[in-house]
């Protein structure tokens, strides 16, 4: 699992049948505090109802196809959780309600 920040939406009117009705989001890999990492943004299928600006957990590869919403679907990146808090070394380094959607 990796941290990522939802940075946008992806709209595709023509897509594989198994993707019809699925929400696609653009995510930027991030560190545990929610700051962006220098990496290329990814397109992820949303399995949990995430929104723009939220810090999320993503999985890639075969793990991306192991949720109830993505089983048998041609995806390589899935949002599987919306992060509420992150503790590191006994200190809270991220709290959703104090984040402001960096």
Foldseek 3Di string as FASTA:
>chain_A
DFKWAFAAWDDDPDDDPLCPPWTKTWIFTDDQLHHGDPDDIDIATEPDPDDHLFIFDKAFDPVSQPDPSRPVHPGGMYTDGTDAWDDDPNRTSYGGVPRPSD
